[in-house]
Amino acid sequence: MGVFKKKNKIALDLQAISTLISEGAVIEGDLKAPAFARVDGQINGNITIDEGLILGEKGSIQGNVHTKEMVVYGVVNGNVSVHSLEIKSTGKVNGDIKTHTLAVETGAVYNGNLLMGKDS
């Protein structure tokens, strides 16, 4: 009877990270990764991550982001297209957001348009 058993979902913060951009690193250009990534440095370009992205407190993105799940502790200057988005108290998003679910902590900053729904 375990065929239809619901899997316990692991929080994005606890996922194994396959790609890490460390603090002080700067990438000029687009980033594509197949699984989960964490950015603590700076990326000047568009980002496409298949599974999920954690943007650390010191991390910044100057470009558009497309992924399934995203947690923002740092700064995004660009549009974000995700299934699930969390903006933490230290996070800032300046750009449009397309998402199915959104969680914003007190103190977070968001400037842009928001489109939510199953088609997002």
N, C-alpha and C. Protein backbone atom coordinates (compact mmCIF):
# COMPACT_ATOMS: atom_id res chain seq x y z
N MET A 1 0.82 -1.19 0.00
CA MET A 1 0.00 0.00 0.00
C MET A 1 0.86 1.26 0.00
N GLY A 2 2.18 1.11 0.00
CA GLY A 2 3.08 2.25 0.05
C GLY A 2 3.28 2.95 -1.28
N VAL A 3 2.62 2.46 -2.34
CA VAL A 3 2.80 3.06 -3.65
C VAL A 3 2.36 4.52 -3.67
N PHE A 4 1.27 4.83 -2.97
CA PHE A 4 0.74 6.18 -2.98
C PHE A 4 1.11 6.98 -1.74
N LYS A 5 2.07 6.46 -0.99
CA LYS A 5 2.50 7.12 0.24
C LYS A 5 3.20 8.43 -0.10
N LYS A 6 2.83 9.49 0.59
CA LYS A 6 3.42 10.80 0.35
C LYS A 6 4.84 10.86 0.92
N LYS A 7 5.77 11.34 0.11
CA LYS A 7 7.15 11.48 0.56
C LYS A 7 7.27 12.68 1.49
N ASN A 8 8.13 12.56 2.48
CA ASN A 8 8.43 13.71 3.32
C ASN A 8 9.35 14.64 2.55
N LYS A 9 8.92 15.88 2.36
CA LYS A 9 9.71 16.83 1.59
C LYS A 9 10.80 17.42 2.48
N ILE A 10 12.01 17.50 1.95
CA ILE A 10 13.14 18.06 2.69
C ILE A 10 13.20 19.55 2.37
N ALA A 11 13.33 20.38 3.39
CA ALA A 11 13.41 21.83 3.20
C ALA A 11 14.59 22.19 2.32
N LEU A 12 14.42 23.22 1.53
CA LEU A 12 15.48 23.64 0.60
C LEU A 12 16.78 23.92 1.33
N ASP A 13 16.70 24.52 2.53
CA ASP A 13 17.90 24.83 3.30
C ASP A 13 18.67 23.58 3.72
N LEU A 14 18.02 22.40 3.70
CA LEU A 14 18.65 21.16 4.13
C LEU A 14 19.06 20.26 2.96
N GLN A 15 18.82 20.69 1.72
CA GLN A 15 19.17 19.89 0.54
C GLN A 15 20.68 19.85 0.35
N ALA A 16 21.14 18.78 -0.28
CA ALA A 16 22.56 18.69 -0.64
C ALA A 16 22.82 19.67 -1.79
N ILE A 17 23.80 20.52 -1.62
CA ILE A 17 24.13 21.54 -2.61
C ILE A 17 25.12 20.98 -3.62
N SER A 18 24.78 21.06 -4.91
CA SER A 18 25.68 20.54 -5.94
C SER A 18 26.55 21.65 -6.54
N THR A 19 26.09 22.90 -6.43
CA THR A 19 26.83 24.04 -6.99
C THR A 19 26.92 25.12 -5.92
N LEU A 20 28.13 25.61 -5.67
CA LEU A 20 28.34 26.65 -4.67
C LEU A 20 29.17 27.78 -5.25
N ILE A 21 28.62 28.98 -5.20
CA ILE A 21 29.36 30.19 -5.59
C ILE A 21 29.67 30.90 -4.28
N SER A 22 30.94 30.88 -3.87
CA SER A 22 31.30 31.37 -2.54
C SER A 22 31.37 32.89 -2.48
N GLU A 23 31.35 33.40 -1.24
CA GLU A 23 31.45 34.83 -0.99
C GLU A 23 32.74 35.36 -1.60
N GLY A 24 32.66 36.48 -2.29
CA GLY A 24 33.82 37.07 -2.95
C GLY A 24 33.96 36.68 -4.41
N ALA A 25 33.30 35.59 -4.82
CA ALA A 25 33.34 35.16 -6.22
C ALA A 25 32.40 36.04 -7.04
N VAL A 26 32.83 36.36 -8.27
CA VAL A 26 32.01 37.14 -9.20
C VAL A 26 31.93 36.38 -10.52
N ILE A 27 30.71 36.16 -10.98
CA ILE A 27 30.50 35.50 -12.27
C ILE A 27 29.88 36.50 -13.22
N GLU A 28 30.54 36.72 -14.34
CA GLU A 28 30.02 37.59 -15.40
C GLU A 28 29.49 36.68 -16.50
N GLY A 29 28.18 36.48 -16.54
CA GLY A 29 27.58 35.60 -17.53
C GLY A 29 26.50 34.75 -16.89
N ASP A 30 25.84 33.94 -17.72
CA ASP A 30 24.73 33.13 -17.25
C ASP A 30 25.22 31.90 -16.49
N LEU A 31 24.39 31.43 -15.56
CA LEU A 31 24.69 30.23 -14.78
C LEU A 31 23.57 29.23 -14.97
N LYS A 32 23.95 27.99 -15.30
CA LYS A 32 22.98 26.89 -15.39
C LYS A 32 23.51 25.76 -14.53
N ALA A 33 22.61 25.14 -13.74
CA ALA A 33 23.00 24.03 -12.88
C ALA A 33 21.87 23.00 -12.84
N PRO A 34 22.22 21.72 -12.69
CA PRO A 34 21.22 20.66 -12.78
C PRO A 34 20.45 20.37 -11.49
N ALA A 35 20.94 20.75 -10.34
CA ALA A 35 20.28 20.34 -9.10
C ALA A 35 20.07 21.54 -8.19
N PHE A 36 20.64 21.51 -6.99
CA PHE A 36 20.49 22.60 -6.02
C PHE A 36 21.76 23.43 -5.98
N ALA A 37 21.60 24.75 -5.87
CA ALA A 37 22.75 25.64 -5.86
C ALA A 37 22.62 26.64 -4.72
N ARG A 38 23.77 27.11 -4.25
CA ARG A 38 23.82 28.18 -3.27
C ARG A 38 24.75 29.26 -3.80
N VAL A 39 24.30 30.51 -3.72
CA VAL A 39 25.09 31.64 -4.19
C VAL A 39 25.34 32.57 -3.01
N ASP A 40 26.63 32.71 -2.63
CA ASP A 40 27.02 33.66 -1.61
C ASP A 40 27.87 34.77 -2.22
N GLY A 41 28.16 34.66 -3.49
CA GLY A 41 28.93 35.67 -4.22
C GLY A 41 28.00 36.51 -5.08
N GLN A 42 28.56 37.02 -6.19
CA GLN A 42 27.81 37.91 -7.08
C GLN A 42 27.72 37.28 -8.47
N ILE A 43 26.53 37.31 -9.05
CA ILE A 43 26.33 36.84 -10.41
C ILE A 43 25.71 37.96 -11.23
N ASN A 44 26.38 38.31 -12.32
CA ASN A 44 25.87 39.30 -13.25
C ASN A 44 25.46 38.57 -14.52
N GLY A 45 24.25 38.05 -14.53
CA GLY A 45 23.74 37.27 -15.65
C GLY A 45 22.50 36.51 -15.20
N ASN A 46 21.88 35.83 -16.14
CA ASN A 46 20.67 35.07 -15.85
C ASN A 46 21.02 33.71 -15.24
N ILE A 47 20.12 33.20 -14.41
CA ILE A 47 20.34 31.94 -13.72
C ILE A 47 19.20 30.98 -14.01
N THR A 48 19.57 29.74 -14.39
CA THR A 48 18.59 28.67 -14.57
C THR A 48 19.08 27.47 -13.76
N ILE A 49 18.33 27.11 -12.73
CA ILE A 49 18.67 25.99 -11.86
C ILE A 49 17.49 25.02 -11.92
N ASP A 50 17.75 23.74 -12.20
CA ASP A 50 16.66 22.77 -12.35
C ASP A 50 15.86 22.56 -11.07
N GLU A 51 16.50 22.49 -9.91
CA GLU A 51 15.79 22.14 -8.68
C GLU A 51 15.55 23.31 -7.74
N GLY A 52 16.62 23.93 -7.23
CA GLY A 52 16.42 24.99 -6.26
C GLY A 52 17.65 25.85 -6.06
N LEU A 53 17.43 27.05 -5.51
CA LEU A 53 18.51 28.02 -5.31
C LEU A 53 18.36 28.68 -3.95
N ILE A 54 19.48 28.76 -3.24
CA ILE A 54 19.56 29.54 -2.00
C ILE A 54 20.49 30.71 -2.28
N LEU A 55 19.99 31.92 -2.08
CA LEU A 55 20.80 33.12 -2.24
C LEU A 55 21.15 33.59 -0.84
N GLY A 56 22.43 33.43 -0.45
CA GLY A 56 22.89 33.78 0.88
C GLY A 56 22.84 35.27 1.16
N GLU A 57 23.01 35.65 2.43
CA GLU A 57 22.93 37.05 2.85
C GLU A 57 23.89 37.95 2.10
N LYS A 58 25.08 37.46 1.79
CA LYS A 58 26.08 38.25 1.08
C LYS A 58 25.95 38.10 -0.44
N GLY A 59 25.03 37.25 -0.88
CA GLY A 59 24.87 36.98 -2.31
C GLY A 59 24.05 38.04 -3.02
N SER A 60 24.37 38.26 -4.31
CA SER A 60 23.58 39.18 -5.12
C SER A 60 23.51 38.66 -6.56
N ILE A 61 22.37 38.92 -7.16
CA ILE A 61 22.13 38.51 -8.54
C ILE A 61 21.65 39.72 -9.33
N GLN A 62 22.33 40.00 -10.43
CA GLN A 62 21.92 41.04 -11.37
C GLN A 62 21.48 40.32 -12.63
N GLY A 63 20.23 39.89 -12.66
CA GLY A 63 19.72 39.13 -13.80
C GLY A 63 18.47 38.37 -13.41
N ASN A 64 17.90 37.68 -14.36
CA ASN A 64 16.66 36.93 -14.13
C ASN A 64 16.96 35.54 -13.59
N VAL A 65 16.03 35.01 -12.78
CA VAL A 65 16.19 33.70 -12.15
C VAL A 65 15.02 32.81 -12.53
N HIS A 66 15.33 31.56 -12.93
CA HIS A 66 14.30 30.56 -13.21
C HIS A 66 14.70 29.27 -12.52
N THR A 67 13.85 28.81 -11.57
CA THR A 67 14.11 27.57 -10.83
C THR A 67 12.80 27.09 -10.21
N LYS A 68 12.83 25.93 -9.56
CA LYS A 68 11.62 25.41 -8.91
C LYS A 68 11.39 26.07 -7.55
N GLU A 69 12.43 26.07 -6.70
CA GLU A 69 12.32 26.61 -5.35
C GLU A 69 13.44 27.62 -5.13
N MET A 70 13.15 28.67 -4.37
CA MET A 70 14.18 29.66 -4.10
C MET A 70 13.97 30.27 -2.73
N VAL A 71 15.09 30.43 -2.00
CA VAL A 71 15.10 31.13 -0.72
C VAL A 71 16.06 32.30 -0.87
N VAL A 72 15.57 33.51 -0.56
CA VAL A 72 16.36 34.73 -0.76
C VAL A 72 16.73 35.35 0.59
N TYR A 73 18.03 35.33 0.89
CA TYR A 73 18.56 36.05 2.05
C TYR A 73 19.30 37.31 1.59
N GLY A 74 19.71 37.34 0.31
CA GLY A 74 20.49 38.43 -0.26
C GLY A 74 19.65 39.32 -1.15
N VAL A 75 20.25 39.79 -2.27
CA VAL A 75 19.61 40.77 -3.15
C VAL A 75 19.49 40.23 -4.57
N VAL A 76 18.28 40.36 -5.14
CA VAL A 76 18.03 40.02 -6.54
C VAL A 76 17.56 41.26 -7.25
N ASN A 77 18.26 41.66 -8.30
CA ASN A 77 17.83 42.74 -9.18
C ASN A 77 17.52 42.11 -10.53
N GLY A 78 16.28 41.67 -10.68
CA GLY A 78 15.85 40.99 -11.90
C GLY A 78 14.56 40.25 -11.63
N ASN A 79 13.99 39.68 -12.68
CA ASN A 79 12.73 38.96 -12.56
C ASN A 79 12.97 37.55 -12.04
N VAL A 80 12.01 37.04 -11.26
CA VAL A 80 12.12 35.72 -10.65
C VAL A 80 10.92 34.88 -11.09
N SER A 81 11.20 33.70 -11.66
CA SER A 81 10.15 32.77 -12.07
C SER A 81 10.41 31.44 -11.38
N VAL A 82 9.55 31.09 -10.40
CA VAL A 82 9.75 29.91 -9.56
C VAL A 82 8.41 29.27 -9.24
N HIS A 83 8.45 28.06 -8.70
CA HIS A 83 7.24 27.43 -8.19
C HIS A 83 6.99 27.86 -6.75
N SER A 84 8.08 27.97 -5.97
CA SER A 84 7.97 28.33 -4.56
C SER A 84 9.07 29.33 -4.21
N LEU A 85 8.70 30.45 -3.58
CA LEU A 85 9.66 31.50 -3.24
C LEU A 85 9.50 31.91 -1.78
N GLU A 86 10.65 32.01 -1.09
CA GLU A 86 10.69 32.54 0.27
C GLU A 86 11.65 33.73 0.27
N ILE A 87 11.17 34.87 0.74
CA ILE A 87 12.04 36.03 0.91
C ILE A 87 12.21 36.22 2.41
N LYS A 88 13.43 36.01 2.89
CA LYS A 88 13.73 36.11 4.31
C LYS A 88 13.87 37.57 4.73
N SER A 89 13.98 37.83 6.03
CA SER A 89 13.99 39.19 6.56
C SER A 89 15.14 40.04 6.01
N THR A 90 16.25 39.41 5.61
CA THR A 90 17.39 40.14 5.05
C THR A 90 17.32 40.22 3.52
N GLY A 91 16.33 39.59 2.93
CA GLY A 91 16.24 39.49 1.48
C GLY A 91 15.61 40.71 0.81
N LYS A 92 16.05 40.94 -0.44
CA LYS A 92 15.51 42.03 -1.25
C LYS A 92 15.33 41.53 -2.67
N VAL A 93 14.15 41.74 -3.23
CA VAL A 93 13.89 41.40 -4.63
C VAL A 93 13.37 42.64 -5.32
N ASN A 94 14.11 43.10 -6.34
CA ASN A 94 13.71 44.23 -7.16
C ASN A 94 13.46 43.70 -8.57
N GLY A 95 12.21 43.39 -8.86
CA GLY A 95 11.83 42.83 -10.16
C GLY A 95 10.52 42.09 -10.03
N ASP A 96 10.00 41.63 -11.15
CA ASP A 96 8.73 40.93 -11.16
C ASP A 96 8.89 39.49 -10.69
N ILE A 97 7.86 38.97 -10.03
CA ILE A 97 7.86 37.60 -9.53
C ILE A 97 6.68 36.85 -10.13
N LYS A 98 6.98 35.65 -10.68
CA LYS A 98 5.95 34.70 -11.09
C LYS A 98 6.14 33.46 -10.23
N THR A 99 5.13 33.10 -9.43
CA THR A 99 5.28 31.97 -8.52
C THR A 99 3.93 31.34 -8.21
N HIS A 100 3.99 30.12 -7.70
CA HIS A 100 2.78 29.44 -7.23
C HIS A 100 2.57 29.74 -5.75
N THR A 101 3.66 29.73 -4.97
CA THR A 101 3.57 30.04 -3.54
C THR A 101 4.63 31.07 -3.17
N LEU A 102 4.29 31.92 -2.20
CA LEU A 102 5.19 32.99 -1.77
C LEU A 102 5.11 33.14 -0.26
N ALA A 103 6.29 33.24 0.39
CA ALA A 103 6.38 33.52 1.81
C ALA A 103 7.35 34.68 2.00
N VAL A 104 6.91 35.71 2.71
CA VAL A 104 7.74 36.90 2.92
C VAL A 104 7.82 37.16 4.42
N GLU A 105 9.05 37.19 4.95
CA GLU A 105 9.24 37.48 6.37
C GLU A 105 9.20 38.98 6.61
N THR A 106 8.86 39.36 7.83
CA THR A 106 8.88 40.76 8.23
C THR A 106 10.30 41.31 8.05
N GLY A 107 10.41 42.47 7.41
CA GLY A 107 11.71 43.08 7.17
C GLY A 107 12.20 42.88 5.75
N ALA A 108 11.65 41.91 5.05
CA ALA A 108 12.04 41.67 3.66
C ALA A 108 11.56 42.82 2.78
N VAL A 109 12.24 43.03 1.64
CA VAL A 109 11.88 44.10 0.72
C VAL A 109 11.56 43.49 -0.64
N TYR A 110 10.44 43.92 -1.22
CA TYR A 110 10.06 43.46 -2.56
C TYR A 110 9.50 44.63 -3.34
N ASN A 111 10.08 44.92 -4.51
CA ASN A 111 9.61 45.98 -5.39
C ASN A 111 9.40 45.39 -6.78
N GLY A 112 8.16 45.33 -7.22
CA GLY A 112 7.87 44.79 -8.54
C GLY A 112 6.45 44.28 -8.61
N ASN A 113 6.13 43.63 -9.72
CA ASN A 113 4.81 43.05 -9.92
C ASN A 113 4.83 41.60 -9.49
N LEU A 114 3.67 41.10 -9.05
CA LEU A 114 3.55 39.73 -8.59
C LEU A 114 2.44 39.04 -9.36
N LEU A 115 2.75 37.86 -9.90
CA LEU A 115 1.76 37.00 -10.56
C LEU A 115 1.79 35.65 -9.87
N MET A 116 0.66 35.28 -9.26
CA MET A 116 0.59 34.00 -8.55
C MET A 116 -0.52 33.14 -9.12
N GLY A 117 -0.31 31.83 -9.05
CA GLY A 117 -1.32 30.89 -9.49
C GLY A 117 -0.70 29.63 -10.00
N LYS A 118 -1.54 28.66 -10.29
CA LYS A 118 -1.06 27.36 -10.76
C LYS A 118 -0.36 27.45 -12.11
N ASP A 119 -0.72 28.42 -12.93
CA ASP A 119 -0.10 28.57 -14.26
C ASP A 119 1.22 29.31 -14.21
N SER A 120 1.57 29.86 -13.05
CA SER A 120 2.79 30.68 -12.94
C SER A 120 4.03 29.84 -13.05
